[in-house]
PDB file of N, CA and C in Angstrom:
ATOM      1  N   MET A   1     -10.514  -6.243  20.962  1.00  0.00           N
ATOM      2  CA  MET A   1     -11.597  -7.272  20.844  1.00  0.00           C
ATOM      3  C   MET A   1     -12.895  -6.502  20.601  1.00  0.00           C
ATOM      4  N   PRO A   2     -13.690  -6.988  19.597  1.00  0.00           N
ATOM      5  CA  PRO A   2     -14.966  -6.204  19.443  1.00  0.00           C
ATOM      6  C   PRO A   2     -16.058  -6.440  20.651  1.00  0.00           C
ATOM      7  N   ASN A   3     -16.695  -5.524  20.855  1.00  0.00           N
ATOM      8  CA  ASN A   3     -17.772  -5.678  21.800  1.00  0.00           C
ATOM      9  C   ASN A   3     -18.800  -6.645  21.349  1.00  0.00           C
ATOM     10  N   GLY A   4     -19.384  -7.478  22.018  1.00  0.00           N
ATOM     11  CA  GLY A   4     -20.484  -8.321  21.561  1.00  0.00           C
ATOM     12  C   GLY A   4     -20.884  -9.261  22.634  1.00  0.00           C
ATOM     13  N   LYS A   5     -21.513 -10.349  22.249  1.00  0.00           N
ATOM     14  CA  LYS A   5     -21.909 -11.345  23.055  1.00  0.00           C
ATOM     15  C   LYS A   5     -20.738 -12.092  23.645  1.00  0.00           C
ATOM     16  N   PRO A   6     -20.908 -12.701  24.749  1.00  0.00           N
ATOM     17  CA  PRO A   6     -19.646 -13.550  25.374  1.00  0.00           C
ATOM     18  C   PRO A   6     -19.271 -14.701  24.462  1.00  0.00           C
ATOM     19  N   ALA A   7     -20.363 -15.323  23.788  1.00  0.00           N
ATOM     20  CA  ALA A   7     -20.120 -16.462  22.872  1.00  0.00           C
ATOM     21  C   ALA A   7     -19.279 -16.047  21.778  1.00  0.00           C
ATOM     22  N   GLU A   8     -19.529 -14.847  21.183  1.00  0.00           N
ATOM     23  CA  GLU A   8     -18.745 -14.264  20.060  1.00  0.00           C
ATOM     24  C   GLU A   8     -17.290 -14.028  20.391  1.00  0.00           C
ATOM     25  N   LYS A   9     -17.097 -13.585  21.630  1.00  0.00           N
ATOM     26  CA  LYS A   9     -15.822 -13.252  22.092  1.00  0.00           C
ATOM     27  C   LYS A   9     -14.980 -14.541  22.237  1.00  0.00           C
ATOM     28  N   ARG A  10     -15.729 -15.500  22.865  1.00  0.00           N
ATOM     29  CA  ARG A  10     -15.037 -16.821  23.075  1.00  0.00           C
ATOM     30  C   ARG A  10     -14.639 -17.428  21.865  1.00  0.00           C
ATOM     31  N   ARG A  11     -15.560 -17.424  20.709  1.00  0.00           N
ATOM     32  CA  ARG A  11     -15.181 -17.928  19.402  1.00  0.00           C
ATOM     33  C   ARG A  11     -14.087 -17.080  18.850  1.00  0.00           C
ATOM     34  N   ALA A  12     -14.042 -15.838  18.941  1.00  0.00           N
ATOM     35  CA  ALA A  12     -12.930 -15.052  18.339  1.00  0.00           C
ATOM     36  C   ALA A  12     -11.554 -15.551  19.004  1.00  0.00           C
ATOM     37  N   ILE A  13     -11.523 -15.643  20.333  1.00  0.00           N
ATOM     38  CA  ILE A  13     -10.349 -16.050  20.904  1.00  0.00           C
ATOM     39  C   ILE A  13      -9.902 -17.460  20.484  1.00  0.00           C
ATOM     40  N   LEU A  14     -10.763 -18.326  20.444  1.00  0.00           N
ATOM     41  CA  LEU A  14     -10.583 -19.777  20.072  1.00  0.00           C
ATOM     42  C   LEU A  14      -9.969 -19.803  18.555  1.00  0.00           C
ATOM     43  N   ASP A  15     -10.686 -19.083  17.809  1.00  0.00           N
ATOM     44  CA  ASP A  15     -10.150 -18.931  16.277  1.00  0.00           C
ATOM     45  C   ASP A  15      -8.708 -18.475  16.264  1.00  0.00           C
ATOM     46  N   ALA A  16      -8.423 -17.374  17.111  1.00  0.00           N
ATOM     47  CA  ALA A  16      -7.218 -16.892  17.102  1.00  0.00           C
ATOM     48  C   ALA A  16      -6.141 -17.891  17.612  1.00  0.00           C
ATOM     49  N   ALA A  17      -6.529 -18.610  18.733  1.00  0.00           N
ATOM     50  CA  ALA A  17      -5.534 -19.540  19.388  1.00  0.00           C
ATOM     51  C   ALA A  17      -5.290 -20.724  18.339  1.00  0.00           C
ATOM     52  N   ILE A  18      -6.448 -21.206  17.679  1.00  0.00           N
ATOM     53  CA  ILE A  18      -6.165 -22.178  16.555  1.00  0.00           C
ATOM     54  C   ILE A  18      -5.105 -21.833  15.613  1.00  0.00           C
ATOM     55  N   THR A  19      -5.268 -20.535  15.062  1.00  0.00           N
ATOM     56  CA  THR A  19      -4.217 -20.034  14.006  1.00  0.00           C
ATOM     57  C   THR A  19      -2.871 -19.988  14.620  1.00  0.00           C
ATOM     58  N   VAL A  20      -2.693 -19.487  15.861  1.00  0.00           N
ATOM     59  CA  VAL A  20      -1.365 -19.358  16.411  1.00  0.00           C
ATOM     60  C   VAL A  20      -0.778 -20.724  16.685  1.00  0.00           C
ATOM     61  N   PHE A  21      -1.667 -21.651  17.250  1.00  0.00           N
ATOM     62  CA  PHE A  21      -1.140 -23.083  17.460  1.00  0.00           C
ATOM     63  C   PHE A  21      -0.687 -23.661  16.072  1.00  0.00           C
ATOM     64  N   ALA A  22      -1.361 -23.368  15.097  1.00  0.00           N
ATOM     65  CA  ALA A  22      -1.025 -24.080  13.760  1.00  0.00           C
ATOM     66  C   ALA A  22       0.266 -23.556  13.340  1.00  0.00           C
ATOM     67  N   ARG A  23       0.519 -22.267  13.481  1.00  0.00           N
ATOM     68  CA  ARG A  23       1.685 -21.733  13.113  1.00  0.00           C
ATOM     69  C   ARG A  23       3.091 -22.022  13.893  1.00  0.00           C
ATOM     70  N   GLN A  24       2.744 -21.831  15.234  1.00  0.00           N
ATOM     71  CA  GLN A  24       3.808 -21.979  16.150  1.00  0.00           C
ATOM     72  C   GLN A  24       3.905 -23.180  17.001  1.00  0.00           C
ATOM     73  N   GLY A  25       2.775 -23.982  16.921  1.00  0.00           N
ATOM     74  CA  GLY A  25       2.984 -24.916  17.933  1.00  0.00           C
ATOM     75  C   GLY A  25       2.307 -24.575  19.252  1.00  0.00           C
ATOM     76  N   PHE A  26       1.788 -25.558  20.003  1.00  0.00           N
ATOM     77  CA  PHE A  26       1.190 -25.258  21.289  1.00  0.00           C
ATOM     78  C   PHE A  26       2.230 -24.686  22.276  1.00  0.00           C
ATOM     79  N   HIS A  27       3.399 -25.343  22.458  1.00  0.00           N
ATOM     80  CA  HIS A  27       4.301 -24.927  23.397  1.00  0.00           C
ATOM     81  C   HIS A  27       5.035 -23.586  23.051  1.00  0.00           C
ATOM     82  N   SER A  28       5.106 -23.149  21.912  1.00  0.00           N
ATOM     83  CA  SER A  28       5.733 -21.872  21.432  1.00  0.00           C
ATOM     84  C   SER A  28       4.671 -20.819  21.553  1.00  0.00           C
ATOM     85  N   ALA A  29       3.409 -21.026  21.626  1.00  0.00           N
ATOM     86  CA  ALA A  29       2.495 -19.991  21.487  1.00  0.00           C
ATOM     87  C   ALA A  29       2.318 -19.187  22.924  1.00  0.00           C
ATOM     88  N   ARG A  30       2.163 -17.946  22.808  1.00  0.00           N
ATOM     89  CA  ARG A  30       2.005 -17.076  24.018  1.00  0.00           C
ATOM     90  C   ARG A  30       0.721 -16.370  24.001  1.00  0.00           C
ATOM     91  N   VAL A  31       0.103 -16.061  25.111  1.00  0.00           N
ATOM     92  CA  VAL A  31      -1.114 -15.296  25.240  1.00  0.00           C
ATOM     93  C   VAL A  31      -1.101 -14.162  24.420  1.00  0.00           C
ATOM     94  N   SER A  32       0.161 -13.400  24.482  1.00  0.00           N
ATOM     95  CA  SER A  32       0.173 -12.235  23.626  1.00  0.00           C
ATOM     96  C   SER A  32       0.090 -12.327  22.302  1.00  0.00           C
ATOM     97  N   ASP A  33       0.399 -13.580  21.825  1.00  0.00           N
ATOM     98  CA  ASP A  33       0.186 -13.934  20.443  1.00  0.00           C
ATOM     99  C   ASP A  33      -1.253 -14.052  19.936  1.00  0.00           C
ATOM    100  N   ILE A  34      -1.991 -14.530  20.913  1.00  0.00           N
ATOM    101  CA  ILE A  34      -3.480 -14.874  20.782  1.00  0.00           C
ATOM    102  C   ILE A  34      -4.225 -13.645  20.931  1.00  0.00           C
ATOM    103  N   ALA A  35      -3.888 -12.833  21.944  1.00  0.00           N
ATOM    104  CA  ALA A  35      -4.746 -11.591  22.303  1.00  0.00           C
ATOM    105  C   ALA A  35      -4.725 -10.646  21.229  1.00  0.00           C
TER     106      ALA A  35
END
C-alpha cells in the first residue's frame, strides 16, 4: 500500500474491495484478496 493520506489509503482499499466483490461475490471475498 502506498504511503499517503489516510483518505487515499481508504479509497484504495475500497476500490480493491469493490473489484473483488464484483468478481467473487461478497461471501467468497477474503481480506487477503483485498489487501
